[in-house]
Amino acid sequence: MTTPATPSQPGPAGDDRNLVPVGATYPALSFEDKLHVFWLKNGKIVIAICVLVVAGIAGQGIWDYLAANKEAEVKESYAAASSPEKLKTFVADNPGHTLAAVAQLRMADEAYAAGKFGEATTGYEAAIAGFKTGPFAMRAQLGLAMAKISAGKTAEGETALKAFANDATQVKGVRAEAAYHLASLAADANRADDVKKYAELVAQIDPASPWAQRALMLRASLPAATSTNIEAASPAGMIQLNLPGK
């Protein structure tokens, strides 16, 4: 009797792994399919990033709004500071703000006008620290020099004025004012040559400024030079002639 051939083992139901021939290729995914796959994998991350961006934009808007309101409040507070006491309170409440430095400059000017030169010196120094640079800083530095001179620190103040007057990078108005003050100090000390020197410097810096006009008037107010003796040269040497009645 012939032995029948052993039948092959049938594959388990539902196992279709062998249905695709080896080496077969799949069709390329379309852009929509790729986008769908990407979204399935990264959708939650994308949503989280969008939420963070929107939150950041909203937060910046709120911050800008609060900052604008704060700035308006500071300006209103400064406008209402109509006395030295209120200015001091404003400075204490707004440290580091530019208007606090402006308030310091105002108080220093008022102290200088009242003859409180030590207090003015302190105020100008505080204003300089607040401004650091710019026209207001130069204005405070000039005030500081004058306050020191008035407080008896003449040499220190004059040195600062000379630095201003001779610095070509400074604003013309500041330089001209500094040179005029130097001419005025020289006039008070009867240093006629220095009066002439600084009056000419004022005219050179800004001839159309009020300081140039004041320097010209200051120079014109100096008494004419007089002498009781006249010296003449002769072959025998110098002969001194005394004028009659002298």
Protein backbone atom coordinates (compact mmCIF):
# COMPACT_ATOMS: atom_id res chain seq x y z
CA MET A 1 0.00 0.00 0.00
CA THR A 2 1.30 3.40 -0.87
CA THR A 3 1.83 5.72 2.15
CA PRO A 4 0.07 8.99 1.54
CA ALA A 5 2.22 12.15 1.60
CA THR A 6 2.15 14.13 4.84
CA PRO A 7 0.03 17.15 4.26
CA SER A 8 1.62 20.59 4.97
CA GLN A 9 0.63 22.27 8.20
CA PRO A 10 -1.98 24.88 7.52
CA GLY A 11 -1.12 28.38 8.78
CA PRO A 12 -3.01 29.74 11.70
CA ALA A 13 -6.16 31.59 10.90
CA GLY A 14 -5.65 35.29 10.33
CA ASP A 15 -1.91 35.00 9.70
CA ASP A 16 -1.41 36.80 6.43
CA ARG A 17 2.26 37.64 6.75
CA ASN A 18 3.17 35.47 3.85
CA LEU A 19 0.62 36.92 1.49
CA VAL A 20 2.95 39.75 0.32
CA PRO A 21 5.77 38.60 -1.86
CA VAL A 22 9.28 39.33 -0.68
CA GLY A 23 10.68 42.48 -2.28
CA ALA A 24 7.34 44.10 -2.83
CA THR A 25 7.26 47.95 -2.33
CA TYR A 26 4.67 50.20 -0.75
CA PRO A 27 3.32 53.29 -2.50
CA ALA A 28 4.81 56.62 -1.22
CA LEU A 29 2.76 58.45 1.42
CA SER A 30 1.05 61.62 0.32
CA PHE A 31 1.66 64.96 2.04
CA GLU A 32 -1.71 64.71 3.78
CA ASP A 33 -0.81 61.24 5.08
CA LYS A 34 2.56 62.46 6.37
CA LEU A 35 0.90 65.42 8.07
CA HIS A 36 -1.64 63.10 9.64
CA VAL A 37 1.09 60.81 10.96
CA PHE A 38 3.06 63.78 12.31
CA TRP A 39 -0.01 65.13 14.07
CA LEU A 40 -0.74 61.76 15.64
CA LYS A 41 2.80 61.66 17.03
CA ASN A 42 3.35 65.34 17.96
CA GLY A 43 -0.08 66.95 18.20
CA LYS A 44 -0.04 67.34 21.97
CA ILE A 45 3.40 68.95 21.91
CA VAL A 46 2.34 71.42 19.20
CA ILE A 47 -0.76 72.38 21.18
CA ALA A 48 1.32 72.90 24.34
CA ILE A 49 3.78 75.16 22.48
CA CYS A 50 0.93 77.23 21.03
CA VAL A 51 -0.58 77.63 24.49
CA LEU A 52 2.76 78.83 25.87
CA VAL A 53 3.22 81.34 23.03
CA VAL A 54 -0.28 82.75 23.49
CA ALA A 55 0.26 82.95 27.25
CA GLY A 56 3.57 84.76 26.73
CA ILE A 57 1.99 87.31 24.39
CA ALA A 58 -0.86 87.89 26.80
CA GLY A 59 1.57 88.21 29.72
CA GLN A 60 3.68 90.79 27.86
CA GLY A 61 0.56 92.77 27.05
CA ILE A 62 -0.49 92.78 30.69
CA TRP A 63 3.02 93.80 31.77
CA ASP A 64 3.11 96.67 29.27
CA TYR A 65 -0.30 97.82 30.46
CA LEU A 66 0.76 97.78 34.11
CA ALA A 67 4.04 99.54 33.29
CA ALA A 68 2.21 102.28 31.38
CA ASN A 69 -0.15 102.80 34.30
CA LYS A 70 2.76 102.90 36.74
CA GLU A 71 4.58 105.47 34.59
CA ALA A 72 1.48 107.66 34.45
CA GLU A 73 1.18 107.47 38.23
CA VAL A 74 4.84 108.47 38.67
CA LYS A 75 4.40 111.48 36.39
CA GLU A 76 1.27 112.59 38.24
CA SER A 77 3.06 112.20 41.56
CA TYR A 78 6.00 114.29 40.32
CA ALA A 79 3.68 117.03 39.02
CA ALA A 80 2.02 117.18 42.44
CA ALA A 81 5.35 117.55 44.29
CA SER A 82 5.19 121.31 44.78
CA SER A 83 7.33 121.63 47.93
CA PRO A 84 10.74 120.40 49.10
CA GLU A 85 9.08 117.98 51.51
CA LYS A 86 6.93 116.49 48.75
CA LEU A 87 9.95 116.26 46.46
CA LYS A 88 11.87 114.34 49.13
CA THR A 89 8.93 111.96 49.52
CA PHE A 90 8.74 111.51 45.75
CA VAL A 91 12.47 110.68 45.56
CA ALA A 92 12.13 108.15 48.39
CA ASP A 93 9.11 106.51 46.73
CA ASN A 94 10.67 106.31 43.25
CA PRO A 95 14.36 105.39 43.60
CA GLY A 96 16.18 104.99 40.31
CA HIS A 97 13.52 106.76 38.23
CA THR A 98 14.66 109.59 35.96
CA LEU A 99 12.11 111.94 37.48
CA ALA A 100 13.63 111.24 40.89
CA ALA A 101 16.92 112.61 39.55
CA VAL A 102 15.04 115.64 38.18
CA ALA A 103 13.56 116.17 41.64
CA GLN A 104 17.05 115.99 43.15
CA LEU A 105 18.22 118.64 40.68
CA ARG A 106 15.28 120.89 41.58
CA MET A 107 15.99 120.58 45.29
CA ALA A 108 19.69 121.30 44.72
CA ASP A 109 18.88 124.45 42.74
CA GLU A 110 16.51 125.62 45.48
CA ALA A 111 19.12 124.95 48.17
CA TYR A 112 21.75 126.86 46.15
CA ALA A 113 19.41 129.83 45.73
CA ALA A 114 18.78 129.79 49.49
CA GLY A 115 22.50 129.85 50.24
CA LYS A 116 22.54 126.27 51.57
CA PHE A 117 25.61 125.28 49.61
CA GLY A 118 26.40 122.09 51.51
CA GLU A 119 22.88 120.81 50.93
CA ALA A 120 23.09 121.92 47.30
CA THR A 121 26.34 119.99 46.85
CA THR A 122 24.72 116.82 48.16
CA GLY A 123 21.69 117.33 45.92
CA TYR A 124 23.76 117.88 42.78
CA GLU A 125 25.82 114.78 43.50
CA ALA A 126 22.64 112.72 43.89
CA ALA A 127 21.26 114.13 40.63
CA ILE A 128 24.48 113.27 38.78
CA ALA A 129 24.29 109.69 40.05
CA GLY A 130 20.70 109.48 38.79
CA PHE A 131 21.28 110.92 35.34
CA LYS A 132 24.79 109.55 34.72
CA THR A 133 24.94 111.11 31.23
CA GLY A 134 23.07 113.62 29.10
CA PRO A 135 22.24 117.34 29.29
CA PHE A 136 20.72 117.14 32.77
CA ALA A 137 23.84 115.40 34.08
CA MET A 138 26.00 118.20 32.68
CA ARG A 139 23.66 120.76 34.19
CA ALA A 140 24.02 119.08 37.59
CA GLN A 141 27.81 118.91 37.25
CA LEU A 142 27.97 122.63 36.51
CA GLY A 143 25.76 123.35 39.51
CA LEU A 144 27.99 121.15 41.66
CA ALA A 145 31.06 123.14 40.65
CA MET A 146 29.39 126.43 41.56
CA ALA A 147 28.10 125.02 44.86
CA LYS A 148 31.60 123.92 45.82
CA ILE A 149 32.99 127.36 45.03
CA SER A 150 30.29 129.01 47.12
CA ALA A 151 30.96 126.54 49.94
CA GLY A 152 34.61 127.59 50.04
CA LYS A 153 36.09 124.82 47.89
CA THR A 154 37.19 127.35 45.27
CA ALA A 155 40.11 125.44 43.77
CA GLU A 156 38.04 122.27 43.35
CA GLY A 157 35.15 124.16 41.77
CA GLU A 158 37.38 126.15 39.41
CA THR A 159 39.08 122.96 38.26
CA ALA A 160 35.70 121.53 37.30
CA LEU A 161 34.71 124.73 35.48
CA LYS A 162 37.97 124.76 33.52
CA ALA A 163 37.38 121.14 32.49
CA PHE A 164 33.95 122.11 31.16
CA ALA A 165 35.12 125.28 29.40
CA ASN A 166 38.00 123.55 27.61
CA ASP A 167 36.15 120.37 26.63
CA ALA A 168 35.12 120.70 22.98
CA THR A 169 32.80 117.68 23.29
CA GLN A 170 30.52 119.46 25.78
CA VAL A 171 27.39 121.38 24.82
CA LYS A 172 28.20 124.95 23.77
CA GLY A 173 25.83 126.49 26.28
CA VAL A 174 27.45 124.64 29.18
CA ARG A 175 30.95 125.51 28.02
CA ALA A 176 30.08 129.17 27.56
CA GLU A 177 28.48 129.39 31.01
CA ALA A 178 31.48 127.70 32.63
CA ALA A 179 33.89 130.11 30.92
CA TYR A 180 31.78 133.09 32.02
CA HIS A 181 31.81 131.95 35.64
CA LEU A 182 35.59 131.65 35.43
CA ALA A 183 35.78 135.22 34.11
CA SER A 184 33.51 136.40 36.93
CA LEU A 185 35.65 134.67 39.56
CA ALA A 186 38.75 136.22 38.05
CA ALA A 187 37.12 139.66 38.20
CA ASP A 188 36.30 139.16 41.88
CA ALA A 189 39.95 138.28 42.49
CA ASN A 190 41.20 141.27 40.43
CA ARG A 191 42.89 138.99 37.90
CA ALA A 192 42.42 141.17 34.84
CA ASP A 193 44.38 138.90 32.52
CA ASP A 194 42.16 135.93 33.38
CA VAL A 195 39.04 138.04 32.90
CA LYS A 196 40.20 138.90 29.40
CA LYS A 197 41.21 135.29 28.71
CA TYR A 198 37.90 133.74 29.70
CA ALA A 199 35.80 136.52 28.18
CA GLU A 200 37.49 135.83 24.87
CA LEU A 201 36.90 132.10 25.35
CA VAL A 202 33.18 132.70 25.86
CA ALA A 203 33.05 134.72 22.64
CA GLN A 204 34.93 131.99 20.83
CA ILE A 205 32.63 129.21 22.07
CA ASP A 206 29.29 130.89 21.40
CA PRO A 207 29.45 134.56 20.38
CA ALA A 208 25.66 134.86 20.11
CA SER A 209 24.93 133.55 23.59
CA PRO A 210 23.86 135.75 26.54
CA TRP A 211 27.01 134.58 28.31
CA ALA A 212 29.13 136.21 25.63
CA GLN A 213 27.33 139.52 26.13
CA ARG A 214 27.69 139.30 29.90
CA ALA A 215 31.39 138.44 29.57
CA LEU A 216 31.89 141.46 27.32
CA MET A 217 30.21 143.72 29.85
CA LEU A 218 32.28 142.20 32.65
CA ARG A 219 35.46 142.89 30.76
CA ALA A 220 34.40 146.44 29.97
CA SER A 221 33.68 147.10 33.64
CA LEU A 222 37.29 146.50 34.65
CA PRO A 223 39.13 149.69 35.69
CA ALA A 224 41.67 151.00 33.21
CA ALA A 225 45.25 150.21 34.10
CA THR A 226 47.06 153.20 35.63
CA SER A 227 50.59 153.77 36.65
CA THR A 228 52.28 156.46 38.74
CA ASN A 229 55.64 155.86 37.16
CA ILE A 230 56.83 155.97 33.61
CA GLU A 231 59.98 154.17 32.67
CA ALA A 232 61.97 155.26 29.64
CA ALA A 233 64.99 153.73 28.06
CA SER A 234 68.23 155.65 27.50
CA PRO A 235 71.74 154.71 26.52
CA ALA A 236 72.72 154.99 30.14
CA GLY A 237 70.03 152.51 31.15
CA MET A 238 66.56 152.73 32.58
CA ILE A 239 65.52 156.16 33.90
CA GLN A 240 62.47 156.46 36.16
CA LEU A 241 60.47 159.67 35.85
CA ASN A 242 58.12 160.69 38.63
CA LEU A 243 55.09 162.56 37.42
CA PRO A 244 54.37 165.93 39.03
CA GLY A 245 52.22 165.65 42.09
CA LYS A 246 52.84 161.90 42.50
